[in-house]
Amino acid sequence: LILVILLLFLICLGGGLLYYYFRPSIQPPVSTPTPLVSSPPSASPAPVAPDDAEAHELEAGFHRRLAEHHARHGGEVEPLLDKALKSSQRAVELAPERPRGWHELALGHWQRARFRQEKGLDPRESLREAAAAFERIAPESRDYDFHADLWQVFRVWADHEEGAGGES
């Protein structure tokens, strides 16, 4: 019996020593986070090249995503959506053959429609503009994102119609 207890003690001690010397390198928790950037992103990034469609597409996406963030946290959404729509409209003026500009324009209108619906306002005009922008994308450029986002437009439209007593 003593040999069994001694053997178990040595196994436990050996396991503990093995863990001590070969444990994974886990860092202690950090009490204060290290900033990754010098300042937080703002609603006014650096000016965009006036004749660069891709830059306007990226700016539209930035403002649209920032508006989405503000909507989740109770912030002001309309000015950001205005900036997103203005940037995406400029992108499609510069390069109407680029599907990303039309997609950003449609997403901006769709997001405005969702915002209006949440406020109890009629979203149909924004939904029509979103659907029209999606239709401007060439058939060969219609990928998964196109179909998924277009479906969201019609889902919001159907929800509105159903809530208003119309046919969805």
C-alpha atoms as a PDB file:
ATOM      1  CA  LEU A   1       0.000   0.000   0.000  1.00  0.00           C
ATOM      2  CA  ILE A   2       2.827   2.373   0.822  1.00  0.00           C
ATOM      3  CA  LEU A   3       4.469   1.590  -2.517  1.00  0.00           C
ATOM      4  CA  VAL A   4       1.242   2.436  -4.367  1.00  0.00           C
ATOM      5  CA  ILE A   5       0.906   5.768  -2.538  1.00  0.00           C
ATOM      6  CA  LEU A   6       4.575   6.554  -3.169  1.00  0.00           C
ATOM      7  CA  LEU A   7       4.167   5.653  -6.843  1.00  0.00           C
ATOM      8  CA  LEU A   8       1.084   7.921  -7.198  1.00  0.00           C
ATOM      9  CA  PHE A   9       2.951  10.735  -5.442  1.00  0.00           C
ATOM     10  CA  LEU A  10       5.878  10.444  -7.858  1.00  0.00           C
ATOM     11  CA  ILE A  11       3.561  10.373 -10.883  1.00  0.00           C
ATOM     12  CA  CYS A  12       1.772  13.509  -9.696  1.00  0.00           C
ATOM     13  CA  LEU A  13       5.045  15.222  -8.851  1.00  0.00           C
ATOM     14  CA  GLY A  14       6.534  14.191 -12.193  1.00  0.00           C
ATOM     15  CA  GLY A  15       3.475  15.476 -14.064  1.00  0.00           C
ATOM     16  CA  GLY A  16       3.693  18.764 -12.196  1.00  0.00           C
ATOM     17  CA  LEU A  17       7.385  19.123 -13.005  1.00  0.00           C
ATOM     18  CA  LEU A  18       6.767  18.286 -16.646  1.00  0.00           C
ATOM     19  CA  TYR A  19       4.011  20.906 -16.806  1.00  0.00           C
ATOM     20  CA  TYR A  20       6.226  23.482 -15.089  1.00  0.00           C
ATOM     21  CA  TYR A  21       9.069  23.057 -17.574  1.00  0.00           C
ATOM     22  CA  PHE A  22       7.057  22.367 -20.739  1.00  0.00           C
ATOM     23  CA  ARG A  23       3.898  24.430 -20.229  1.00  0.00           C
ATOM     24  CA  PRO A  24       2.582  26.567 -23.080  1.00  0.00           C
ATOM     25  CA  SER A  25       3.744  30.155 -23.031  1.00  0.00           C
ATOM     26  CA  ILE A  26       0.683  31.980 -21.764  1.00  0.00           C
ATOM     27  CA  GLN A  27       1.074  35.654 -21.080  1.00  0.00           C
ATOM     28  CA  PRO A  28      -0.512  37.178 -17.979  1.00  0.00           C
ATOM     29  CA  PRO A  29      -3.602  39.321 -18.591  1.00  0.00           C
ATOM     30  CA  VAL A  30      -2.982  42.918 -19.563  1.00  0.00           C
ATOM     31  CA  SER A  31      -4.539  45.455 -17.241  1.00  0.00           C
ATOM     32  CA  THR A  32      -4.399  48.356 -19.713  1.00  0.00           C
ATOM     33  CA  PRO A  33      -4.809  47.722 -23.448  1.00  0.00           C
ATOM     34  CA  THR A  34      -2.097  48.808 -25.809  1.00  0.00           C
ATOM     35  CA  PRO A  35      -3.527  51.143 -28.459  1.00  0.00           C
ATOM     36  CA  LEU A  36      -3.224  49.781 -31.981  1.00  0.00           C
ATOM     37  CA  VAL A  37      -3.675  53.153 -33.609  1.00  0.00           C
ATOM     38  CA  SER A  38      -2.806  56.629 -32.461  1.00  0.00           C
ATOM     39  CA  SER A  39      -6.382  57.873 -32.718  1.00  0.00           C
ATOM     40  CA  PRO A  40      -9.809  56.304 -33.355  1.00  0.00           C
ATOM     41  CA  PRO A  41     -11.326  56.470 -36.836  1.00  0.00           C
ATOM     42  CA  SER A  42     -13.388  59.542 -37.476  1.00  0.00           C
ATOM     43  CA  ALA A  43     -16.302  60.287 -39.726  1.00  0.00           C
ATOM     44  CA  SER A  44     -14.025  62.473 -41.851  1.00  0.00           C
ATOM     45  CA  PRO A  45     -11.181  60.463 -43.372  1.00  0.00           C
ATOM     46  CA  ALA A  46      -8.554  62.051 -45.575  1.00  0.00           C
ATOM     47  CA  PRO A  47      -9.929  63.633 -48.764  1.00  0.00           C
ATOM     48  CA  VAL A  48     -10.467  61.271 -51.670  1.00  0.00           C
ATOM     49  CA  ALA A  49      -8.919  61.736 -55.098  1.00  0.00           C
ATOM     50  CA  PRO A  50     -11.723  63.468 -57.026  1.00  0.00           C
ATOM     51  CA  ASP A  51     -11.394  61.341 -60.183  1.00  0.00           C
ATOM     52  CA  ASP A  52     -10.709  57.922 -58.634  1.00  0.00           C
ATOM     53  CA  ALA A  53     -13.819  55.714 -58.747  1.00  0.00           C
ATOM     54  CA  GLU A  54     -12.319  53.025 -56.515  1.00  0.00           C
ATOM     55  CA  ALA A  55     -11.476  55.615 -53.848  1.00  0.00           C
ATOM     56  CA  HIS A  56     -15.079  56.837 -53.905  1.00  0.00           C
ATOM     57  CA  GLU A  57     -16.337  53.243 -53.618  1.00  0.00           C
ATOM     58  CA  LEU A  58     -14.131  52.684 -50.585  1.00  0.00           C
ATOM     59  CA  GLU A  59     -15.225  55.968 -49.023  1.00  0.00           C
ATOM     60  CA  ALA A  60     -18.875  55.041 -49.567  1.00  0.00           C
ATOM     61  CA  GLY A  61     -18.320  51.703 -47.849  1.00  0.00           C
ATOM     62  CA  PHE A  62     -16.567  53.428 -44.949  1.00  0.00           C
ATOM     63  CA  HIS A  63     -19.414  55.872 -44.354  1.00  0.00           C
ATOM     64  CA  ARG A  64     -22.051  53.157 -44.787  1.00  0.00           C
ATOM     65  CA  ARG A  65     -20.380  50.880 -42.236  1.00  0.00           C
ATOM     66  CA  LEU A  66     -19.865  53.786 -39.858  1.00  0.00           C
ATOM     67  CA  ALA A  67     -23.577  54.610 -40.186  1.00  0.00           C
ATOM     68  CA  GLU A  68     -24.385  50.994 -39.369  1.00  0.00           C
ATOM     69  CA  HIS A  69     -22.213  51.207 -36.266  1.00  0.00           C
ATOM     70  CA  HIS A  70     -23.863  54.466 -35.192  1.00  0.00           C
ATOM     71  CA  ALA A  71     -27.321  52.956 -35.740  1.00  0.00           C
ATOM     72  CA  ARG A  72     -26.487  50.089 -33.380  1.00  0.00           C
ATOM     73  CA  HIS A  73     -25.258  52.484 -30.697  1.00  0.00           C
ATOM     74  CA  GLY A  74     -27.911  55.183 -30.993  1.00  0.00           C
ATOM     75  CA  GLY A  75     -25.829  57.691 -32.950  1.00  0.00           C
ATOM     76  CA  GLU A  76     -26.705  59.986 -35.849  1.00  0.00           C
ATOM     77  CA  VAL A  77     -27.101  58.001 -39.084  1.00  0.00           C
ATOM     78  CA  GLU A  78     -28.547  60.295 -41.778  1.00  0.00           C
ATOM     79  CA  PRO A  79     -25.448  62.478 -42.398  1.00  0.00           C
ATOM     80  CA  LEU A  80     -23.262  59.387 -42.772  1.00  0.00           C
ATOM     81  CA  LEU A  81     -25.698  57.781 -45.195  1.00  0.00           C
ATOM     82  CA  ASP A  82     -25.784  61.041 -47.167  1.00  0.00           C
ATOM     83  CA  LYS A  83     -21.981  60.927 -47.442  1.00  0.00           C
ATOM     84  CA  ALA A  84     -22.064  57.248 -48.440  1.00  0.00           C
ATOM     85  CA  LEU A  85     -24.653  57.866 -51.142  1.00  0.00           C
ATOM     86  CA  LYS A  86     -22.819  60.933 -52.439  1.00  0.00           C
ATOM     87  CA  SER A  87     -19.537  58.977 -52.683  1.00  0.00           C
ATOM     88  CA  SER A  88     -21.138  55.994 -54.382  1.00  0.00           C
ATOM     89  CA  GLN A  89     -22.983  58.242 -56.849  1.00  0.00           C
ATOM     90  CA  ARG A  90     -19.681  59.909 -57.708  1.00  0.00           C
ATOM     91  CA  ALA A  91     -18.102  56.468 -58.184  1.00  0.00           C
ATOM     92  CA  VAL A  92     -20.769  55.375 -60.675  1.00  0.00           C
ATOM     93  CA  GLU A  93     -20.477  58.713 -62.511  1.00  0.00           C
ATOM     94  CA  LEU A  94     -16.738  58.121 -62.925  1.00  0.00           C
ATOM     95  CA  ALA A  95     -16.923  54.417 -63.817  1.00  0.00           C
ATOM     96  CA  PRO A  96     -20.430  53.153 -64.570  1.00  0.00           C
ATOM     97  CA  GLU A  97     -19.020  49.812 -65.738  1.00  0.00           C
ATOM     98  CA  ARG A  98     -17.652  48.973 -62.253  1.00  0.00           C
ATOM     99  CA  PRO A  99     -20.103  46.779 -60.309  1.00  0.00           C
ATOM    100  CA  ARG A 100     -18.734  47.768 -56.885  1.00  0.00           C
ATOM    101  CA  GLY A 101     -19.948  51.359 -57.261  1.00  0.00           C
ATOM    102  CA  TRP A 102     -23.477  50.237 -58.117  1.00  0.00           C
ATOM    103  CA  HIS A 103     -23.393  47.738 -55.277  1.00  0.00           C
ATOM    104  CA  GLU A 104     -22.343  50.426 -52.776  1.00  0.00           C
ATOM    105  CA  LEU A 105     -25.060  52.743 -54.090  1.00  0.00           C
ATOM    106  CA  ALA A 106     -27.674  49.997 -53.685  1.00  0.00           C
ATOM    107  CA  LEU A 107     -26.457  49.139 -50.179  1.00  0.00           C
ATOM    108  CA  GLY A 108     -26.615  52.795 -49.159  1.00  0.00           C
ATOM    109  CA  HIS A 109     -30.232  53.054 -50.320  1.00  0.00           C
ATOM    110  CA  TRP A 110     -31.076  49.732 -48.660  1.00  0.00           C
ATOM    111  CA  GLN A 111     -29.552  50.862 -45.371  1.00  0.00           C
ATOM    112  CA  ARG A 112     -31.482  54.135 -45.559  1.00  0.00           C
ATOM    113  CA  ALA A 113     -34.670  52.126 -46.161  1.00  0.00           C
ATOM    114  CA  ARG A 114     -33.991  49.982 -43.085  1.00  0.00           C
ATOM    115  CA  PHE A 115     -33.337  53.106 -41.030  1.00  0.00           C
ATOM    116  CA  ARG A 116     -36.569  54.703 -42.251  1.00  0.00           C
ATOM    117  CA  GLN A 117     -38.509  51.512 -41.534  1.00  0.00           C
ATOM    118  CA  GLU A 118     -37.159  51.402 -37.972  1.00  0.00           C
ATOM    119  CA  LYS A 119     -38.334  55.002 -37.502  1.00  0.00           C
ATOM    120  CA  GLY A 120     -41.824  54.094 -38.745  1.00  0.00           C
ATOM    121  CA  LEU A 121     -41.384  55.942 -42.056  1.00  0.00           C
ATOM    122  CA  ASP A 122     -42.093  54.656 -45.555  1.00  0.00           C
ATOM    123  CA  PRO A 123     -38.955  52.939 -46.963  1.00  0.00           C
ATOM    124  CA  ARG A 124     -40.338  52.171 -50.446  1.00  0.00           C
ATOM    125  CA  GLU A 125     -38.613  54.997 -52.347  1.00  0.00           C
ATOM    126  CA  SER A 126     -35.193  53.981 -50.988  1.00  0.00           C
ATOM    127  CA  LEU A 127     -35.969  50.332 -51.731  1.00  0.00           C
ATOM    128  CA  ARG A 128     -36.913  51.203 -55.333  1.00  0.00           C
ATOM    129  CA  GLU A 129     -33.632  53.071 -55.752  1.00  0.00           C
ATOM    130  CA  ALA A 130     -31.700  50.163 -54.235  1.00  0.00           C
ATOM    131  CA  ALA A 131     -33.356  47.659 -56.588  1.00  0.00           C
ATOM    132  CA  ALA A 132     -32.708  49.962 -59.567  1.00  0.00           C
ATOM    133  CA  ALA A 133     -29.021  50.275 -58.640  1.00  0.00           C
ATOM    134  CA  PHE A 134     -28.709  46.496 -58.330  1.00  0.00           C
ATOM    135  CA  GLU A 135     -30.288  46.080 -61.776  1.00  0.00           C
ATOM    136  CA  ARG A 136     -27.546  48.290 -63.280  1.00  0.00           C
ATOM    137  CA  ILE A 137     -24.935  45.651 -62.402  1.00  0.00           C
ATOM    138  CA  ALA A 138     -24.015  43.586 -65.464  1.00  0.00           C
ATOM    139  CA  PRO A 139     -25.306  39.985 -65.385  1.00  0.00           C
ATOM    140  CA  GLU A 140     -21.783  38.542 -65.574  1.00  0.00           C
ATOM    141  CA  SER A 141     -20.817  40.494 -62.421  1.00  0.00           C
ATOM    142  CA  ARG A 142     -23.725  39.244 -60.322  1.00  0.00           C
ATOM    143  CA  ASP A 143     -22.063  37.138 -57.663  1.00  0.00           C
ATOM    144  CA  TYR A 144     -23.228  35.701 -54.352  1.00  0.00           C
ATOM    145  CA  ASP A 145     -23.085  39.095 -52.607  1.00  0.00           C
ATOM    146  CA  PHE A 146     -25.264  40.604 -55.320  1.00  0.00           C
ATOM    147  CA  HIS A 147     -27.981  37.984 -54.890  1.00  0.00           C
ATOM    148  CA  ALA A 148     -27.804  37.957 -51.082  1.00  0.00           C
ATOM    149  CA  ASP A 149     -28.030  41.751 -50.846  1.00  0.00           C
ATOM    150  CA  LEU A 150     -30.763  42.031 -53.476  1.00  0.00           C
ATOM    151  CA  TRP A 151     -32.721  39.444 -51.488  1.00  0.00           C
ATOM    152  CA  GLN A 152     -32.356  41.686 -48.409  1.00  0.00           C
ATOM    153  CA  VAL A 153     -33.888  44.586 -50.347  1.00  0.00           C
ATOM    154  CA  PHE A 154     -36.935  42.530 -51.266  1.00  0.00           C
ATOM    155  CA  ARG A 155     -37.179  41.079 -47.749  1.00  0.00           C
ATOM    156  CA  VAL A 156     -37.345  44.570 -46.210  1.00  0.00           C
ATOM    157  CA  TRP A 157     -39.855  45.579 -48.880  1.00  0.00           C
ATOM    158  CA  ALA A 158     -42.034  42.533 -48.155  1.00  0.00           C
ATOM    159  CA  ASP A 159     -41.823  43.180 -44.398  1.00  0.00           C
ATOM    160  CA  HIS A 160     -42.959  46.755 -44.949  1.00  0.00           C
ATOM    161  CA  GLU A 161     -45.812  45.742 -47.229  1.00  0.00           C
ATOM    162  CA  GLU A 162     -46.947  43.070 -44.800  1.00  0.00           C
ATOM    163  CA  GLY A 163     -46.837  45.509 -41.883  1.00  0.00           C
ATOM    164  CA  ALA A 164     -48.730  48.137 -43.877  1.00  0.00           C
ATOM    165  CA  GLY A 165     -51.468  45.656 -44.824  1.00  0.00           C
ATOM    166  CA  GLY A 166     -50.419  45.339 -48.466  1.00  0.00           C
ATOM    167  CA  GLU A 167     -49.484  42.253 -50.433  1.00  0.00           C
ATOM    168  CA  SER A 168     -45.929  41.101 -49.872  1.00  0.00           C
END
